[in-house]
Structures are given as structure tokens and as C-alpha cells.
PDB file of N, CA and C in Angstrom:
ATOM      1  N   MET A   1     -11.189 -12.595 -71.881  1.00  0.00           N
ATOM      2  CA  MET A   1     -12.553 -12.379 -71.454  1.00  0.00           C
ATOM      3  C   MET A   1     -13.093 -11.067 -71.991  1.00  0.00           C
ATOM      4  N   ASN A   2     -12.958 -10.873 -73.276  1.00  0.00           N
ATOM      5  CA  ASN A   2     -13.454  -9.642 -73.881  1.00  0.00           C
ATOM      6  C   ASN A   2     -14.942  -9.461 -73.682  1.00  0.00           C
ATOM      7  N   SER A   3     -15.693 -10.533 -73.757  1.00  0.00           N
ATOM      8  CA  SER A   3     -17.140 -10.443 -73.585  1.00  0.00           C
ATOM      9  C   SER A   3     -17.496  -9.986 -72.190  1.00  0.00           C
ATOM     10  N   MET A   4     -16.745 -10.443 -71.199  1.00  0.00           N
ATOM     11  CA  MET A   4     -17.034 -10.034 -69.827  1.00  0.00           C
ATOM     12  C   MET A   4     -16.814  -8.538 -69.681  1.00  0.00           C
ATOM     13  N   ASN A   5     -15.767  -8.014 -70.295  1.00  0.00           N
ATOM     14  CA  ASN A   5     -15.532  -6.580 -70.228  1.00  0.00           C
ATOM     15  C   ASN A   5     -16.661  -5.821 -70.893  1.00  0.00           C
ATOM     16  N   SER A   6     -17.144  -6.309 -72.012  1.00  0.00           N
ATOM     17  CA  SER A   6     -18.230  -5.627 -72.690  1.00  0.00           C
ATOM     18  C   SER A   6     -19.526  -5.762 -71.914  1.00  0.00           C
ATOM     19  N   MET A   7     -19.704  -6.881 -71.187  1.00  0.00           N
ATOM     20  CA  MET A   7     -20.909  -7.037 -70.376  1.00  0.00           C
ATOM     21  C   MET A   7     -20.911  -6.025 -69.243  1.00  0.00           C
ATOM     22  N   ASN A   8     -19.724  -5.680 -68.757  1.00  0.00           N
ATOM     23  CA  ASN A   8     -19.609  -4.788 -67.619  1.00  0.00           C
ATOM     24  C   ASN A   8     -19.688  -3.325 -68.032  1.00  0.00           C
ATOM     25  N   SER A   9     -19.498  -3.024 -69.297  1.00  0.00           N
ATOM     26  CA  SER A   9     -19.500  -1.640 -69.734  1.00  0.00           C
ATOM     27  C   SER A   9     -20.898  -1.060 -69.658  1.00  0.00           C
ATOM     28  N   LYS A  10     -20.953   0.234 -69.380  1.00  0.00           N
ATOM     29  CA  LYS A  10     -22.252   0.892 -69.264  1.00  0.00           C
ATOM     30  C   LYS A  10     -22.820   1.123 -70.651  1.00  0.00           C
ATOM     31  N   THR A  11     -24.129   1.030 -70.731  1.00  0.00           N
ATOM     32  CA  THR A  11     -24.800   1.258 -71.997  1.00  0.00           C
ATOM     33  C   THR A  11     -25.501   2.589 -71.963  1.00  0.00           C
ATOM     34  N   ASN A  12     -25.679   3.197 -73.107  1.00  0.00           N
ATOM     35  CA  ASN A  12     -26.353   4.467 -73.217  1.00  0.00           C
ATOM     36  C   ASN A  12     -27.819   4.188 -73.504  1.00  0.00           C
ATOM     37  N   SER A  13     -28.630   4.187 -72.454  1.00  0.00           N
ATOM     38  CA  SER A  13     -30.020   3.809 -72.625  1.00  0.00           C
ATOM     39  C   SER A  13     -30.946   5.010 -72.677  1.00  0.00           C
ATOM     40  N   GLY A  14     -30.428   6.214 -72.506  1.00  0.00           N
ATOM     41  CA  GLY A  14     -31.287   7.387 -72.511  1.00  0.00           C
ATOM     42  C   GLY A  14     -32.275   7.306 -71.379  1.00  0.00           C
ATOM     43  N   SER A  15     -33.508   7.709 -71.600  1.00  0.00           N
ATOM     44  CA  SER A  15     -34.518   7.669 -70.560  1.00  0.00           C
ATOM     45  C   SER A  15     -35.255   6.344 -70.553  1.00  0.00           C
ATOM     46  N   ASN A  16     -34.916   5.473 -71.476  1.00  0.00           N
ATOM     47  CA  ASN A  16     -35.641   4.217 -71.639  1.00  0.00           C
ATOM     48  C   ASN A  16     -34.748   3.042 -71.271  1.00  0.00           C
ATOM     49  N   GLY A  17     -35.180   2.214 -70.319  1.00  0.00           N
ATOM     50  CA  GLY A  17     -34.401   1.053 -69.911  1.00  0.00           C
ATOM     51  C   GLY A  17     -34.462  -0.097 -70.892  1.00  0.00           C
ATOM     52  N   MET A  18     -35.363  -0.028 -71.880  1.00  0.00           N
ATOM     53  CA  MET A  18     -35.507  -1.132 -72.837  1.00  0.00           C
ATOM     54  C   MET A  18     -34.242  -1.351 -73.647  1.00  0.00           C
ATOM     55  N   SER A  19     -33.615  -0.288 -74.130  1.00  0.00           N
ATOM     56  CA  SER A  19     -32.417  -0.473 -74.945  1.00  0.00           C
ATOM     57  C   SER A  19     -31.281  -1.017 -74.096  1.00  0.00           C
ATOM     58  N   SER A  20     -31.261  -0.666 -72.821  1.00  0.00           N
ATOM     59  CA  SER A  20     -30.251  -1.209 -71.922  1.00  0.00           C
ATOM     60  C   SER A  20     -30.438  -2.707 -71.749  1.00  0.00           C
ATOM     61  N   ARG A  21     -31.693  -3.140 -71.600  1.00  0.00           N
ATOM     62  CA  ARG A  21     -31.971  -4.574 -71.468  1.00  0.00           C
ATOM     63  C   ARG A  21     -31.627  -5.317 -72.749  1.00  0.00           C
ATOM     64  N   ARG A  22     -31.963  -4.714 -73.895  1.00  0.00           N
ATOM     65  CA  ARG A  22     -31.631  -5.354 -75.177  1.00  0.00           C
ATOM     66  C   ARG A  22     -30.129  -5.484 -75.333  1.00  0.00           C
ATOM     67  N   SER A  23     -29.422  -4.433 -74.961  1.00  0.00           N
ATOM     68  CA  SER A  23     -27.970  -4.442 -75.065  1.00  0.00           C
ATOM     69  C   SER A  23     -27.372  -5.514 -74.152  1.00  0.00           C
ATOM     70  N   SER A  24     -27.893  -5.599 -72.934  1.00  0.00           N
ATOM     71  CA  SER A  24     -27.403  -6.615 -71.993  1.00  0.00           C
ATOM     72  C   SER A  24     -27.681  -8.018 -72.507  1.00  0.00           C
ATOM     73  N   LYS A  25     -28.872  -8.213 -73.053  1.00  0.00           N
ATOM     74  CA  LYS A  25     -29.241  -9.525 -73.587  1.00  0.00           C
ATOM     75  C   LYS A  25     -28.327  -9.902 -74.753  1.00  0.00           C
ATOM     76  N   LYS A  26     -28.059  -8.941 -75.621  1.00  0.00           N
ATOM     77  CA  LYS A  26     -27.192  -9.193 -76.771  1.00  0.00           C
ATOM     78  C   LYS A  26     -25.780  -9.556 -76.307  1.00  0.00           C
ATOM     79  N   LYS A  27     -25.271  -8.844 -75.314  1.00  0.00           N
ATOM     80  CA  LYS A  27     -23.934  -9.129 -74.795  1.00  0.00           C
ATOM     81  C   LYS A  27     -23.874 -10.496 -74.142  1.00  0.00           C
ATOM     82  N   LEU A  28     -24.930 -10.875 -73.442  1.00  0.00           N
ATOM     83  CA  LEU A  28     -24.978 -12.187 -72.817  1.00  0.00           C
ATOM     84  C   LEU A  28     -25.023 -13.292 -73.874  1.00  0.00           C
ATOM     85  N   GLN A  29     -25.769 -13.061 -74.952  1.00  0.00           N
ATOM     86  CA  GLN A  29     -25.815 -14.032 -76.048  1.00  0.00           C
ATOM     87  C   GLN A  29     -24.442 -14.162 -76.709  1.00  0.00           C
ATOM     88  N   GLN A  30     -23.740 -13.032 -76.873  1.00  0.00           N
ATOM     89  CA  GLN A  30     -22.396 -13.078 -77.453  1.00  0.00           C
ATOM     90  C   GLN A  30     -21.448 -13.862 -76.553  1.00  0.00           C
ATOM     91  N   PHE A  31     -21.574 -13.628 -75.255  1.00  0.00           N
ATOM     92  CA  PHE A  31     -20.746 -14.346 -74.284  1.00  0.00           C
ATOM     93  C   PHE A  31     -21.036 -15.846 -74.345  1.00  0.00           C
ATOM     94  N   ARG A  32     -22.324 -16.217 -74.390  1.00  0.00           N
ATOM     95  CA  ARG A  32     -22.721 -17.623 -74.487  1.00  0.00           C
ATOM     96  C   ARG A  32     -22.126 -18.256 -75.743  1.00  0.00           C
ATOM     97  N   ASN A  33     -22.210 -17.545 -76.864  1.00  0.00           N
ATOM     98  CA  ASN A  33     -21.667 -18.065 -78.120  1.00  0.00           C
ATOM     99  C   ASN A  33     -20.153 -18.229 -78.044  1.00  0.00           C
ATOM    100  N   GLU A  34     -19.483 -17.278 -77.397  1.00  0.00           N
ATOM    101  CA  GLU A  34     -18.019 -17.358 -77.243  1.00  0.00           C
ATOM    102  C   GLU A  34     -17.642 -18.573 -76.404  1.00  0.00           C
ATOM    103  N   VAL A  35     -18.365 -18.781 -75.307  1.00  0.00           N
ATOM    104  CA  VAL A  35     -18.091 -19.928 -74.432  1.00  0.00           C
ATOM    105  C   VAL A  35     -18.358 -21.234 -75.183  1.00  0.00           C
ATOM    106  N   ALA A  36     -19.487 -21.320 -75.857  1.00  0.00           N
ATOM    107  CA  ALA A  36     -19.823 -22.538 -76.602  1.00  0.00           C
ATOM    108  C   ALA A  36     -18.770 -22.821 -77.671  1.00  0.00           C
ATOM    109  N   SER A  37     -18.347 -21.795 -78.359  1.00  0.00           N
ATOM    110  CA  SER A  37     -17.338 -21.958 -79.400  1.00  0.00           C
ATOM    111  C   SER A  37     -16.029 -22.479 -78.809  1.00  0.00           C
ATOM    112  N   SER A  38     -15.642 -21.943 -77.649  1.00  0.00           N
ATOM    113  CA  SER A  38     -14.397 -22.393 -77.026  1.00  0.00           C
ATOM    114  C   SER A  38     -14.486 -23.841 -76.561  1.00  0.00           C
ATOM    115  N   MET A  39     -15.723 -24.331 -76.392  1.00  0.00           N
ATOM    116  CA  MET A  39     -15.939 -25.720 -75.970  1.00  0.00           C
ATOM    117  C   MET A  39     -16.261 -26.622 -77.158  1.00  0.00           C
ATOM    118  N   ASN A  40     -16.129 -26.085 -78.370  1.00  0.00           N
ATOM    119  CA  ASN A  40     -16.426 -26.809 -79.603  1.00  0.00           C
ATOM    120  C   ASN A  40     -17.864 -27.309 -79.673  1.00  0.00           C
ATOM    121  N   ILE A  41     -18.788 -26.490 -79.166  1.00  0.00           N
ATOM    122  CA  ILE A  41     -20.216 -26.782 -79.247  1.00  0.00           C
ATOM    123  C   ILE A  41     -20.817 -25.777 -80.214  1.00  0.00           C
ATOM    124  N   ASP A  42     -21.484 -26.282 -81.230  1.00  0.00           N
ATOM    125  CA  ASP A  42     -22.037 -25.417 -82.271  1.00  0.00           C
ATOM    126  C   ASP A  42     -23.428 -24.928 -81.876  1.00  0.00           C
ATOM    127  N   LEU A  43     -23.546 -23.612 -81.660  1.00  0.00           N
ATOM    128  CA  LEU A  43     -24.850 -23.012 -81.378  1.00  0.00           C
ATOM    129  C   LEU A  43     -25.364 -22.321 -82.620  1.00  0.00           C
ATOM    130  N   LYS A  44     -26.677 -22.409 -82.801  1.00  0.00           N
ATOM    131  CA  LYS A  44     -27.324 -21.722 -83.915  1.00  0.00           C
ATOM    132  C   LYS A  44     -28.033 -20.492 -83.361  1.00  0.00           C
ATOM    133  N   GLN A  45     -28.390 -19.560 -84.244  1.00  0.00           N
ATOM    134  CA  GLN A  45     -29.232 -18.446 -83.854  1.00  0.00           C
ATOM    135  C   GLN A  45     -30.601 -19.013 -83.524  1.00  0.00           C
ATOM    136  N   GLY A  46     -31.187 -18.583 -82.422  1.00  0.00           N
ATOM    137  CA  GLY A  46     -32.526 -19.051 -82.076  1.00  0.00           C
ATOM    138  C   GLY A  46     -32.512 -20.352 -81.300  1.00  0.00           C
ATOM    139  N   TYR A  47     -33.361 -21.269 -81.716  1.00  0.00           N
ATOM    140  CA  TYR A  47     -33.598 -22.512 -80.990  1.00  0.00           C
ATOM    141  C   TYR A  47     -32.435 -23.492 -81.130  1.00  0.00           C
ATOM    142  N   ASN A  48     -32.000 -24.047 -80.001  1.00  0.00           N
ATOM    143  CA  ASN A  48     -30.919 -25.032 -79.990  1.00  0.00           C
ATOM    144  C   ASN A  48     -31.350 -26.303 -79.273  1.00  0.00           C
ATOM    145  N   GLY A  49     -32.548 -26.774 -79.608  1.00  0.00           N
ATOM    146  CA  GLY A  49     -33.111 -27.951 -78.959  1.00  0.00           C
ATOM    147  C   GLY A  49     -32.383 -29.245 -79.252  1.00  0.00           C
ATOM    148  N   ASP A  50     -31.468 -29.200 -80.214  1.00  0.00           N
ATOM    149  CA  ASP A  50     -30.714 -30.408 -80.530  1.00  0.00           C
ATOM    150  C   ASP A  50     -29.522 -30.621 -79.599  1.00  0.00           C
ATOM    151  N   LEU A  51     -29.255 -29.662 -78.706  1.00  0.00           N
ATOM    152  CA  LEU A  51     -28.172 -29.826 -77.746  1.00  0.00           C
ATOM    153  C   LEU A  51     -28.578 -30.844 -76.693  1.00  0.00           C
ATOM    154  N   THR A  52     -27.602 -31.599 -76.226  1.00  0.00           N
ATOM    155  CA  THR A  52     -27.886 -32.493 -75.112  1.00  0.00           C
ATOM    156  C   THR A  52     -27.933 -31.665 -73.826  1.00  0.00           C
ATOM    157  N   SER A  53     -28.539 -32.224 -72.813  1.00  0.00           N
ATOM    158  CA  SER A  53     -28.580 -31.539 -71.513  1.00  0.00           C
ATOM    159  C   SER A  53     -27.170 -31.304 -71.004  1.00  0.00           C
ATOM    160  N   ARG A  54     -26.301 -32.253 -71.254  1.00  0.00           N
ATOM    161  CA  ARG A  54     -24.909 -32.127 -70.812  1.00  0.00           C
ATOM    162  C   ARG A  54     -24.223 -30.948 -71.488  1.00  0.00           C
ATOM    163  N   GLU A  55     -24.434 -30.804 -72.807  1.00  0.00           N
ATOM    164  CA  GLU A  55     -23.821 -29.688 -73.531  1.00  0.00           C
ATOM    165  C   GLU A  55     -24.355 -28.347 -73.035  1.00  0.00           C
ATOM    166  N   ALA A  56     -25.675 -28.247 -72.904  1.00  0.00           N
ATOM    167  CA  ALA A  56     -26.283 -26.999 -72.444  1.00  0.00           C
ATOM    168  C   ALA A  56     -25.805 -26.650 -71.036  1.00  0.00           C
ATOM    169  N   GLY A  57     -25.770 -27.650 -70.167  1.00  0.00           N
ATOM    170  CA  GLY A  57     -25.301 -27.423 -68.798  1.00  0.00           C
ATOM    171  C   GLY A  57     -23.839 -27.047 -68.744  1.00  0.00           C
ATOM    172  N   SER A  58     -23.046 -27.629 -69.628  1.00  0.00           N
ATOM    173  CA  SER A  58     -21.617 -27.305 -69.671  1.00  0.00           C
ATOM    174  C   SER A  58     -21.393 -25.858 -70.080  1.00  0.00           C
ATOM    175  N   ILE A  59     -22.181 -25.390 -71.029  1.00  0.00           N
ATOM    176  CA  ILE A  59     -22.065 -23.992 -71.463  1.00  0.00           C
ATOM    177  C   ILE A  59     -22.420 -23.065 -70.303  1.00  0.00           C
ATOM    178  N   GLY A  60     -23.555 -23.311 -69.663  1.00  0.00           N
ATOM    179  CA  GLY A  60     -23.977 -22.484 -68.538  1.00  0.00           C
ATOM    180  C   GLY A  60     -22.989 -22.526 -67.389  1.00  0.00           C
ATOM    181  N   GLY A  61     -22.493 -23.705 -67.081  1.00  0.00           N
ATOM    182  CA  GLY A  61     -21.520 -23.849 -66.000  1.00  0.00           C
ATOM    183  C   GLY A  61     -20.236 -23.091 -66.280  1.00  0.00           C
ATOM    184  N   GLU A  62     -19.774 -23.165 -67.509  1.00  0.00           N
ATOM    185  CA  GLU A  62     -18.545 -22.448 -67.884  1.00  0.00           C
ATOM    186  C   GLU A  62     -18.768 -20.937 -67.849  1.00  0.00           C
ATOM    187  N   MET A  63     -19.969 -20.503 -68.245  1.00  0.00           N
ATOM    188  CA  MET A  63     -20.285 -19.068 -68.181  1.00  0.00           C
ATOM    189  C   MET A  63     -20.214 -18.579 -66.731  1.00  0.00           C
ATOM    190  N   VAL A  64     -20.815 -19.331 -65.824  1.00  0.00           N
ATOM    191  CA  VAL A  64     -20.803 -18.958 -64.409  1.00  0.00           C
ATOM    192  C   VAL A  64     -19.372 -18.939 -63.883  1.00  0.00           C
ATOM    193  N   LYS A  65     -18.611 -19.947 -64.238  1.00  0.00           N
ATOM    194  CA  LYS A  65     -17.214 -20.044 -63.809  1.00  0.00           C
ATOM    195  C   LYS A  65     -16.421 -18.808 -64.255  1.00  0.00           C
ATOM    196  N   ARG A  66     -16.608 -18.399 -65.501  1.00  0.00           N
ATOM    197  CA  ARG A  66     -15.889 -17.229 -66.023  1.00  0.00           C
ATOM    198  C   ARG A  66     -16.376 -15.933 -65.388  1.00  0.00           C
ATOM    199  N   MET A  67     -17.689 -15.837 -65.129  1.00  0.00           N
ATOM    200  CA  MET A  67     -18.215 -14.629 -64.492  1.00  0.00           C
ATOM    201  C   MET A  67     -17.692 -14.494 -63.063  1.00  0.00           C
ATOM    202  N   ILE A  68     -17.596 -15.609 -62.350  1.00  0.00           N
ATOM    203  CA  ILE A  68     -17.056 -15.577 -60.988  1.00  0.00           C
ATOM    204  C   ILE A  68     -15.591 -15.169 -61.019  1.00  0.00           C
ATOM    205  N   ALA A  69     -14.819 -15.733 -61.933  1.00  0.00           N
ATOM    206  CA  ALA A  69     -13.402 -15.375 -62.050  1.00  0.00           C
ATOM    207  C   ALA A  69     -13.249 -13.894 -62.374  1.00  0.00           C
ATOM    208  N   TYR A  70     -14.098 -13.378 -63.258  1.00  0.00           N
ATOM    209  CA  TYR A  70     -14.057 -11.963 -63.617  1.00  0.00           C
ATOM    210  C   TYR A  70     -14.379 -11.095 -62.400  1.00  0.00           C
ATOM    211  N   ALA A  71     -15.403 -11.474 -61.648  1.00  0.00           N
ATOM    212  CA  ALA A  71     -15.790 -10.699 -60.463  1.00  0.00           C
ATOM    213  C   ALA A  71     -14.678 -10.723 -59.415  1.00  0.00           C
ATOM    214  N   GLU A  72     -14.073 -11.882 -59.206  1.00  0.00           N
ATOM    215  CA  GLU A  72     -12.974 -11.977 -58.241  1.00  0.00           C
ATOM    216  C   GLU A  72     -11.800 -11.111 -58.664  1.00  0.00           C
ATOM    217  N   ASP A  73     -11.475 -11.155 -59.960  1.00  0.00           N
ATOM    218  CA  ASP A  73     -10.379 -10.324 -60.466  1.00  0.00           C
ATOM    219  C   ASP A  73     -10.699  -8.840 -60.290  1.00  0.00           C
ATOM    220  N   SER A  74     -11.940  -8.463 -60.550  1.00  0.00           N
ATOM    221  CA  SER A  74     -12.343  -7.065 -60.402  1.00  0.00           C
ATOM    222  C   SER A  74     -12.244  -6.614 -58.947  1.00  0.00           C
ATOM    223  N   LEU A  75     -12.665  -7.474 -58.027  1.00  0.00           N
ATOM    224  CA  LEU A  75     -12.592  -7.140 -56.612  1.00  0.00           C
ATOM    225  C   LEU A  75     -11.165  -7.029 -56.123  1.00  0.00           C
ATOM    226  N   ASN A  76     -10.277  -7.787 -56.736  1.00  0.00           N
ATOM    227  CA  ASN A  76      -8.867  -7.765 -56.358  1.00  0.00           C
ATOM    228  C   ASN A  76      -8.087  -6.700 -57.118  1.00  0.00           C
ATOM    229  N   GLY A  77      -8.766  -5.942 -57.953  1.00  0.00           N
ATOM    230  CA  GLY A  77      -8.111  -4.883 -58.717  1.00  0.00           C
ATOM    231  C   GLY A  77      -7.272  -5.370 -59.865  1.00  0.00           C
ATOM    232  N   GLU A  78      -7.542  -6.564 -60.353  1.00  0.00           N
ATOM    233  CA  GLU A  78      -6.755  -7.147 -61.439  1.00  0.00           C
ATOM    234  C   GLU A  78      -7.424  -6.973 -62.782  1.00  0.00           C
ATOM    235  N   ASN A  79      -8.413  -6.131 -62.856  1.00  0.00           N
ATOM    236  CA  ASN A  79      -9.168  -5.931 -64.096  1.00  0.00           C
ATOM    237  C   ASN A  79      -8.337  -5.234 -65.058  1.00  0.00           C
TER     238      ASN A  79
END
């Protein structure tokens, strides 16, 4: 879960929260791509309207599943 660790890391946003949001968005996109790749679903940069609802939902569901597991591990001190 390298992406989860990077999502949790603090970003250096200076006085502006915009770079922090961009960084978070980029990390979330990387995580989504990692999950999709592990499920053998090919995502493109930008629009992915050719995905079925099942594929898109599977990616989102797996992301949530991994985030919950990461949070549980962190709470249990297993990080």
C-alpha cells in the first residue's frame, strides 16, 4: 500500500492550500490507477467513459476497502 502511505504524508503547501489540494488529488489519482492496474482494468489519462459501471464501481469499492484496511492498521499501530 505504498500509495496509501504517500496519501497520508504531509505536503508542503506553504501559505497556500491550493498546492496541498493538487498534491492530494494527484496522490488519489495515483492510488486509483494502482488499484485499477491490480484489477487488470486499463485507465487512461482524463476521460474513461468507456468503462462499464461495474468496472468503475469495482475500482471505487476496492479503493475504499484498502483505505479502511489502512486506517484500521494505523489505529492498531501496525503502520
